[in-house]
Full PDB file with SEQRES, HELIX, SHEET, SSBOND, CRYST1, ORIGX, SCALE, CONECT and MASTER records, all heavy atoms in Angstrom:
SEQRES   1 A   30  ARG THR ARG ALA GLY LEU ALA ALA ALA ARG ALA ARG GLY          
SEQRES   2 A   30  ARG LYS GLY GLY ARG PRO ARG LYS MET ASP ARG ALA THR          
SEQRES   3 A   30  LEU ARG ALA ALA                                              
HELIX    1 AA1 THR A    2  ALA A   11  1                                  10    
HELIX    2 AA2 ARG A   24  ALA A   29  1                                   6    
CRYST1    1.000    1.000    1.000  90.00  90.00  90.00 P 1           1          
ORIGX1      1.000000  0.000000  0.000000        0.00000                         
ORIGX2      0.000000  1.000000  0.000000        0.00000                         
ORIGX3      0.000000  0.000000  1.000000        0.00000                         
SCALE1      1.000000  0.000000  0.000000        0.00000                         
SCALE2      0.000000  1.000000  0.000000        0.00000                         
SCALE3      0.000000  0.000000  1.000000        0.00000                         
ATOM      1  N   ARG A   1     134.880  34.052  80.370  1.00  0.00           N  
ATOM      2  CA  ARG A   1     134.001  33.707  79.283  1.00  0.00           C  
ATOM      3  C   ARG A   1     132.906  34.702  79.122  1.00  0.00           C  
ATOM      4  O   ARG A   1     132.555  35.136  78.005  1.00  0.00           O  
ATOM      5  CB  ARG A   1     133.484  32.319  79.412  1.00  0.00           C  
ATOM      6  CG  ARG A   1     134.453  31.188  79.096  1.00  0.00           C  
ATOM      7  CD  ARG A   1     133.700  29.896  78.992  1.00  0.00           C  
ATOM      8  NE  ARG A   1     132.952  29.489  80.089  1.00  0.00           N  
ATOM      9  CZ  ARG A   1     133.349  28.699  81.093  1.00  0.00           C  
ATOM     10  NH1 ARG A   1     134.677  28.198  81.078  1.00  0.00           N  
ATOM     11  NH2 ARG A   1     132.672  28.334  82.058  1.00  0.00           N  
ATOM     12  N   THR A   2     132.257  35.148  80.133  1.00  0.00           N  
ATOM     13  CA  THR A   2     131.383  36.219  80.218  1.00  0.00           C  
ATOM     14  C   THR A   2     131.795  37.512  79.554  1.00  0.00           C  
ATOM     15  O   THR A   2     131.175  38.142  78.597  1.00  0.00           O  
ATOM     16  CB  THR A   2     130.690  36.404  81.566  1.00  0.00           C  
ATOM     17  OG1 THR A   2     130.188  35.126  82.005  1.00  0.00           O  
ATOM     18  CG2 THR A   2     129.531  37.445  81.525  1.00  0.00           C  
ATOM     19  N   ARG A   3     132.834  38.047  79.987  1.00  0.00           N  
ATOM     20  CA  ARG A   3     133.565  39.202  79.431  1.00  0.00           C  
ATOM     21  C   ARG A   3     133.797  39.026  77.988  1.00  0.00           C  
ATOM     22  O   ARG A   3     133.568  40.004  77.140  1.00  0.00           O  
ATOM     23  CB  ARG A   3     134.803  39.606  80.308  1.00  0.00           C  
ATOM     24  CG  ARG A   3     134.622  40.134  81.637  1.00  0.00           C  
ATOM     25  CD  ARG A   3     135.811  40.709  82.223  1.00  0.00           C  
ATOM     26  NE  ARG A   3     136.878  39.767  82.370  1.00  0.00           N  
ATOM     27  CZ  ARG A   3     137.053  39.105  83.505  1.00  0.00           C  
ATOM     28  NH1 ARG A   3     136.136  39.070  84.493  1.00  0.00           N  
ATOM     29  NH2 ARG A   3     137.988  38.062  83.594  1.00  0.00           N  
ATOM     30  N   ALA A   4     134.311  37.900  77.552  1.00  0.00           N  
ATOM     31  CA  ALA A   4     134.652  37.785  76.154  1.00  0.00           C  
ATOM     32  C   ALA A   4     133.328  37.683  75.290  1.00  0.00           C  
ATOM     33  O   ALA A   4     133.363  38.219  74.172  1.00  0.00           O  
ATOM     34  CB  ALA A   4     135.390  36.435  76.005  1.00  0.00           C  
ATOM     35  N   GLY A   5     132.308  37.023  75.759  1.00  0.00           N  
ATOM     36  CA  GLY A   5     131.077  36.978  75.090  1.00  0.00           C  
ATOM     37  C   GLY A   5     130.388  38.334  74.896  1.00  0.00           C  
ATOM     38  O   GLY A   5     129.973  38.710  73.862  1.00  0.00           O  
ATOM     39  N   LEU A   6     130.525  39.225  75.963  1.00  0.00           N  
ATOM     40  CA  LEU A   6     129.953  40.493  76.005  1.00  0.00           C  
ATOM     41  C   LEU A   6     130.735  41.479  75.065  1.00  0.00           C  
ATOM     42  O   LEU A   6     130.086  42.143  74.205  1.00  0.00           O  
ATOM     43  CB  LEU A   6     130.040  41.117  77.301  1.00  0.00           C  
ATOM     44  CG  LEU A   6     128.970  40.605  78.338  1.00  0.00           C  
ATOM     45  CD1 LEU A   6     129.236  41.194  79.720  1.00  0.00           C  
ATOM     46  CD2 LEU A   6     127.587  40.928  77.800  1.00  0.00           C  
ATOM     47  N   ALA A   7     132.065  41.252  74.979  1.00  0.00           N  
ATOM     48  CA  ALA A   7     132.891  41.937  73.944  1.00  0.00           C  
ATOM     49  C   ALA A   7     132.628  41.646  72.605  1.00  0.00           C  
ATOM     50  O   ALA A   7     132.537  42.582  71.718  1.00  0.00           O  
ATOM     51  CB  ALA A   7     134.380  41.781  74.247  1.00  0.00           C  
ATOM     52  N   ALA A   8     132.472  40.352  72.289  1.00  0.00           N  
ATOM     53  CA  ALA A   8     132.155  39.823  71.005  1.00  0.00           C  
ATOM     54  C   ALA A   8     130.801  40.369  70.579  1.00  0.00           C  
ATOM     55  O   ALA A   8     130.650  40.786  69.341  1.00  0.00           O  
ATOM     56  CB  ALA A   8     132.185  38.256  70.914  1.00  0.00           C  
ATOM     57  N   ALA A   9     129.827  40.435  71.477  1.00  0.00           N  
ATOM     58  CA  ALA A   9     128.514  40.971  71.059  1.00  0.00           C  
ATOM     59  C   ALA A   9     128.576  42.460  70.841  1.00  0.00           C  
ATOM     60  O   ALA A   9     127.913  42.939  69.859  1.00  0.00           O  
ATOM     61  CB  ALA A   9     127.548  40.634  72.222  1.00  0.00           C  
ATOM     62  N   ARG A  10     129.265  43.178  71.602  1.00  0.00           N  
ATOM     63  CA  ARG A  10     129.416  44.676  71.348  1.00  0.00           C  
ATOM     64  C   ARG A  10     130.206  44.918  69.957  1.00  0.00           C  
ATOM     65  O   ARG A  10     129.730  45.724  69.339  1.00  0.00           O  
ATOM     66  CB  ARG A  10     130.187  45.223  72.450  1.00  0.00           C  
ATOM     67  CG  ARG A  10     129.390  45.598  73.580  1.00  0.00           C  
ATOM     68  CD  ARG A  10     130.141  46.525  74.598  1.00  0.00           C  
ATOM     69  NE  ARG A  10     131.279  45.979  75.253  1.00  0.00           N  
ATOM     70  CZ  ARG A  10     131.237  45.078  76.353  1.00  0.00           C  
ATOM     71  NH1 ARG A  10     130.055  44.867  76.886  1.00  0.00           N  
ATOM     72  NH2 ARG A  10     132.250  44.605  76.916  1.00  0.00           N  
ATOM     73  N   ALA A  11     131.110  44.064  69.520  1.00  0.00           N  
ATOM     74  CA  ALA A  11     131.804  44.229  68.375  1.00  0.00           C  
ATOM     75  C   ALA A  11     130.945  44.010  67.184  1.00  0.00           C  
ATOM     76  O   ALA A  11     131.112  44.505  66.135  1.00  0.00           O  
ATOM     77  CB  ALA A  11     133.040  43.255  68.309  1.00  0.00           C  
ATOM     78  N   ARG A  12     129.803  43.204  67.371  1.00  0.00           N  
ATOM     79  CA  ARG A  12     128.842  42.945  66.278  1.00  0.00           C  
ATOM     80  C   ARG A  12     127.758  44.030  66.415  1.00  0.00           C  
ATOM     81  O   ARG A  12     126.649  43.840  65.843  1.00  0.00           O  
ATOM     82  CB  ARG A  12     128.295  41.617  66.389  1.00  0.00           C  
ATOM     83  CG  ARG A  12     129.234  40.552  66.093  1.00  0.00           C  
ATOM     84  CD  ARG A  12     128.834  39.129  66.158  1.00  0.00           C  
ATOM     85  NE  ARG A  12     129.788  38.151  65.759  1.00  0.00           N  
ATOM     86  CZ  ARG A  12     130.897  37.791  66.423  1.00  0.00           C  
ATOM     87  NH1 ARG A  12     131.200  38.466  67.489  1.00  0.00           N  
ATOM     88  NH2 ARG A  12     131.646  36.865  65.867  1.00  0.00           N  
ATOM     89  N   GLY A  13     127.859  45.108  67.256  1.00  0.00           N  
ATOM     90  CA  GLY A  13     126.880  46.090  67.354  1.00  0.00           C  
ATOM     91  C   GLY A  13     125.619  45.765  68.301  1.00  0.00           C  
ATOM     92  O   GLY A  13     124.792  46.624  68.321  1.00  0.00           O  
ATOM     93  N   ARG A  14     125.742  44.759  69.017  1.00  0.00           N  
ATOM     94  CA  ARG A  14     124.608  44.382  69.990  1.00  0.00           C  
ATOM     95  C   ARG A  14     124.988  45.113  71.308  1.00  0.00           C  
ATOM     96  O   ARG A  14     126.061  45.047  71.801  1.00  0.00           O  
ATOM     97  CB  ARG A  14     124.460  42.927  70.064  1.00  0.00           C  
ATOM     98  CG  ARG A  14     123.828  42.415  68.860  1.00  0.00           C  
ATOM     99  CD  ARG A  14     123.435  40.889  69.090  1.00  0.00           C  
ATOM    100  NE  ARG A  14     124.744  40.187  69.076  1.00  0.00           N  
ATOM    101  CZ  ARG A  14     124.767  38.906  69.280  1.00  0.00           C  
ATOM    102  NH1 ARG A  14     123.816  37.996  69.320  1.00  0.00           N  
ATOM    103  NH2 ARG A  14     126.142  38.240  69.234  1.00  0.00           N  
ATOM    104  N   LYS A  15     124.007  45.550  71.959  1.00  0.00           N  
ATOM    105  CA  LYS A  15     124.061  46.146  73.231  1.00  0.00           C  
ATOM    106  C   LYS A  15     123.323  45.292  74.314  1.00  0.00           C  
ATOM    107  O   LYS A  15     122.246  44.711  73.938  1.00  0.00           O  
ATOM    108  CB  LYS A  15     123.534  47.579  73.352  1.00  0.00           C  
ATOM    109  CG  LYS A  15     124.272  48.499  72.569  1.00  0.00           C  
ATOM    110  CD  LYS A  15     123.643  49.936  72.513  1.00  0.00           C  
ATOM    111  CE  LYS A  15     124.410  50.799  71.629  1.00  0.00           C  
ATOM    112  NZ  LYS A  15     123.633  52.080  71.550  1.00  0.00           N  
ATOM    113  N   GLY A  16     123.889  45.138  75.463  1.00  0.00           N  
ATOM    114  CA  GLY A  16     123.161  44.335  76.539  1.00  0.00           C  
ATOM    115  C   GLY A  16     122.118  45.127  77.215  1.00  0.00           C  
ATOM    116  O   GLY A  16     121.921  46.367  76.967  1.00  0.00           O  
ATOM    117  N   GLY A  17     121.415  44.499  78.089  1.00  0.00           N  
ATOM    118  CA  GLY A  17     120.455  45.238  78.928  1.00  0.00           C  
ATOM    119  C   GLY A  17     119.048  45.085  78.440  1.00  0.00           C  
ATOM    120  O   GLY A  17     118.753  44.568  77.305  1.00  0.00           O  
ATOM    121  N   ARG A  18     118.193  45.755  79.199  1.00  0.00           N  
ATOM    122  CA  ARG A  18     116.763  45.698  78.859  1.00  0.00           C  
ATOM    123  C   ARG A  18     116.499  46.652  77.772  1.00  0.00           C  
ATOM    124  O   ARG A  18     116.924  47.670  77.617  1.00  0.00           O  
ATOM    125  CB  ARG A  18     115.954  46.106  80.025  1.00  0.00           C  
ATOM    126  CG  ARG A  18     114.595  46.009  79.970  1.00  0.00           C  
ATOM    127  CD  ARG A  18     113.847  46.308  81.251  1.00  0.00           C  
ATOM    128  NE  ARG A  18     112.448  46.554  81.083  1.00  0.00           N  
ATOM    129  CZ  ARG A  18     111.661  46.953  82.032  1.00  0.00           C  
ATOM    130  NH1 ARG A  18     111.985  47.270  83.247  1.00  0.00           N  
ATOM    131  NH2 ARG A  18     110.416  47.037  81.747  1.00  0.00           N  
ATOM    132  N   PRO A  19     115.520  46.141  76.718  1.00  0.00           N  
ATOM    133  CA  PRO A  19     115.264  46.991  75.641  1.00  0.00           C  
ATOM    134  C   PRO A  19     114.526  48.189  76.042  1.00  0.00           C  
ATOM    135  O   PRO A  19     113.596  48.085  77.044  1.00  0.00           O  
ATOM    136  CB  PRO A  19     114.332  46.088  74.787  1.00  0.00           C  
ATOM    137  CG  PRO A  19     114.458  44.779  75.176  1.00  0.00           C  
ATOM    138  CD  PRO A  19     114.991  44.838  76.705  1.00  0.00           C  
ATOM    139  N   ARG A  20     114.621  49.360  75.482  1.00  0.00           N  
ATOM    140  CA  ARG A  20     113.879  50.438  75.773  1.00  0.00           C  
ATOM    141  C   ARG A  20     112.405  50.389  75.484  1.00  0.00           C  
ATOM    142  O   ARG A  20     112.062  49.816  74.388  1.00  0.00           O  
ATOM    143  CB  ARG A  20     114.498  51.709  74.991  1.00  0.00           C  
ATOM    144  CG  ARG A  20     115.793  52.076  75.566  1.00  0.00           C  
ATOM    145  CD  ARG A  20     116.148  53.417  74.877  1.00  0.00           C  
ATOM    146  NE  ARG A  20     117.357  54.013  75.669  1.00  0.00           N  
ATOM    147  CZ  ARG A  20     117.422  54.702  76.794  1.00  0.00           C  
ATOM    148  NH1 ARG A  20     116.251  54.951  77.353  1.00  0.00           N  
ATOM    149  NH2 ARG A  20     118.502  55.041  77.178  1.00  0.00           N  
ATOM    150  N   LYS A  21     111.587  50.979  76.225  1.00  0.00           N  
ATOM    151  CA  LYS A  21     110.151  50.991  75.935  1.00  0.00           C  
ATOM    152  C   LYS A  21     109.732  51.946  74.882  1.00  0.00           C  
ATOM    153  O   LYS A  21     108.768  51.816  74.064  1.00  0.00           O  
ATOM    154  CB  LYS A  21     109.321  51.260  77.112  1.00  0.00           C  
ATOM    155  CG  LYS A  21     109.154  49.969  78.180  1.00  0.00           C  
ATOM    156  CD  LYS A  21     107.994  50.302  79.022  1.00  0.00           C  
ATOM    157  CE  LYS A  21     107.220  49.107  78.986  1.00  0.00           C  
ATOM    158  NZ  LYS A  21     105.934  49.071  79.766  1.00  0.00           N  
ATOM    159  N   MET A  22     110.509  53.115  74.677  1.00  0.00           N  
ATOM    160  CA  MET A  22     110.194  54.027  73.771  1.00  0.00           C  
ATOM    161  C   MET A  22     111.537  54.679  73.267  1.00  0.00           C  
ATOM    162  O   MET A  22     112.436  54.687  73.968  1.00  0.00           O  
ATOM    163  CB  MET A  22     109.218  55.013  74.285  1.00  0.00           C  
ATOM    164  CG  MET A  22     109.829  55.791  75.431  1.00  0.00           C  
ATOM    165  SD  MET A  22     108.813  57.229  76.015  1.00  0.00           S  
ATOM    166  CE  MET A  22     107.100  56.590  75.922  1.00  0.00           C  
ATOM    167  N   ASP A  23     111.583  55.200  72.135  1.00  0.00           N  
ATOM    168  CA  ASP A  23     112.691  55.929  71.569  1.00  0.00           C  
ATOM    169  C   ASP A  23     112.864  57.217  72.320  1.00  0.00           C  
ATOM    170  O   ASP A  23     111.964  57.686  73.026  1.00  0.00           O  
ATOM    171  CB  ASP A  23     112.601  56.129  70.140  1.00  0.00           C  
ATOM    172  CG  ASP A  23     111.470  56.914  69.595  1.00  0.00           C  
ATOM    173  OD1 ASP A  23     111.067  57.770  70.282  1.00  0.00           O  
ATOM    174  OD2 ASP A  23     111.055  56.753  68.421  1.00  0.00           O  
ATOM    175  N   ARG A  24     114.112  57.810  72.142  1.00  0.00           N  
ATOM    176  CA  ARG A  24     114.473  59.036  72.830  1.00  0.00           C  
ATOM    177  C   ARG A  24     113.466  60.256  72.359  1.00  0.00           C  
ATOM    178  O   ARG A  24     113.083  60.988  73.300  1.00  0.00           O  
ATOM    179  CB  ARG A  24     115.896  59.330  72.561  1.00  0.00           C  
ATOM    180  CG  ARG A  24     116.825  58.582  73.249  1.00  0.00           C  
ATOM    181  CD  ARG A  24     118.044  59.155  73.576  1.00  0.00           C  
ATOM    182  NE  ARG A  24     118.981  58.266  74.117  1.00  0.00           N  
ATOM    183  CZ  ARG A  24     119.190  58.007  75.431  1.00  0.00           C  
ATOM    184  NH1 ARG A  24     118.268  58.621  76.319  1.00  0.00           N  
ATOM    185  NH2 ARG A  24     120.044  57.124  75.911  1.00  0.00           N  
ATOM    186  N   ALA A  25     113.076  60.352  71.194  1.00  0.00           N  
ATOM    187  CA  ALA A  25     112.316  61.481  70.723  1.00  0.00           C  
ATOM    188  C   ALA A  25     110.851  61.394  71.450  1.00  0.00           C  
ATOM    189  O   ALA A  25     110.352  62.474  71.977  1.00  0.00           O  
ATOM    190  CB  ALA A  25     112.081  61.343  69.197  1.00  0.00           C  
ATOM    191  N   THR A  26     110.336  60.246  71.469  1.00  0.00           N  
ATOM    192  CA  THR A  26     109.015  60.123  72.180  1.00  0.00           C  
ATOM    193  C   THR A  26     109.191  60.361  73.656  1.00  0.00           C  
ATOM    194  O   THR A  26     108.382  61.004  74.252  1.00  0.00           O  
ATOM    195  CB  THR A  26     108.457  58.592  71.989  1.00  0.00           C  
ATOM    196  OG1 THR A  26     108.470  58.321  70.473  1.00  0.00           O  
ATOM    197  CG2 THR A  26     107.002  58.560  72.445  1.00  0.00           C  
ATOM    198  N   LEU A  27     110.232  59.912  74.148  1.00  0.00           N  
ATOM    199  CA  LEU A  27     110.440  60.222  75.674  1.00  0.00           C  
ATOM    200  C   LEU A  27     110.487  61.746  75.939  1.00  0.00           C  
ATOM    201  O   LEU A  27     109.945  62.319  76.907  1.00  0.00           O  
ATOM    202  CB  LEU A  27     111.724  59.376  76.140  1.00  0.00           C  
ATOM    203  CG  LEU A  27     112.004  59.722  77.664  1.00  0.00           C  
ATOM    204  CD1 LEU A  27     110.920  59.265  78.610  1.00  0.00           C  
ATOM    205  CD2 LEU A  27     113.308  58.932  78.070  1.00  0.00           C  
ATOM    206  N   ARG A  28     111.391  62.401  75.057  1.00  0.00           N  
ATOM    207  CA  ARG A  28     111.379  63.880  75.187  1.00  0.00           C  
ATOM    208  C   ARG A  28     110.034  64.406  74.987  1.00  0.00           C  
ATOM    209  O   ARG A  28     109.723  65.548  75.659  1.00  0.00           O  
ATOM    210  CB  ARG A  28     112.428  64.410  74.070  1.00  0.00           C  
ATOM    211  CG  ARG A  28     113.866  64.311  74.480  1.00  0.00           C  
ATOM    212  CD  ARG A  28     114.761  64.989  73.677  1.00  0.00           C  
ATOM    213  NE  ARG A  28     116.110  64.254  73.585  1.00  0.00           N  
ATOM    214  CZ  ARG A  28     116.379  63.577  72.427  1.00  0.00           C  
ATOM    215  NH1 ARG A  28     115.729  63.587  71.399  1.00  0.00           N  
ATOM    216  NH2 ARG A  28     117.563  62.951  72.495  1.00  0.00           N  
ATOM    217  N   ALA A  29     109.169  64.077  74.106  1.00  0.00           N  
ATOM    218  CA  ALA A  29     107.814  64.578  74.047  1.00  0.00           C  
ATOM    219  C   ALA A  29     107.094  64.337  75.155  1.00  0.00           C  
ATOM    220  O   ALA A  29     106.328  65.254  75.614  1.00  0.00           O  
ATOM    221  CB  ALA A  29     107.241  63.952  72.702  1.00  0.00           C  
ATOM    222  N   ALA A  30     107.210  63.290  75.852  1.00  0.00           N  
ATOM    223  CA  ALA A  30     106.576  62.988  77.104  1.00  0.00           C  
ATOM    224  C   ALA A  30     107.010  63.952  78.170  1.00  0.00           C  
ATOM    225  O   ALA A  30     106.120  64.464  79.016  1.00  0.00           O  
ATOM    226  CB  ALA A  30     106.609  61.533  77.470  1.00  0.00           C  
TER     227      ALA A  30                                                      
MASTER        0    0    0    2    0    0    0    6  226    1    0    3          
END                                                                             
């Protein structure tokens, strides 16, 4: 059920995991 739920979320464009504190451009600047 966990694998199926993660696959369904990915199919809707959602990614798991902790949200990023900053975007990649800001991180590159730092």
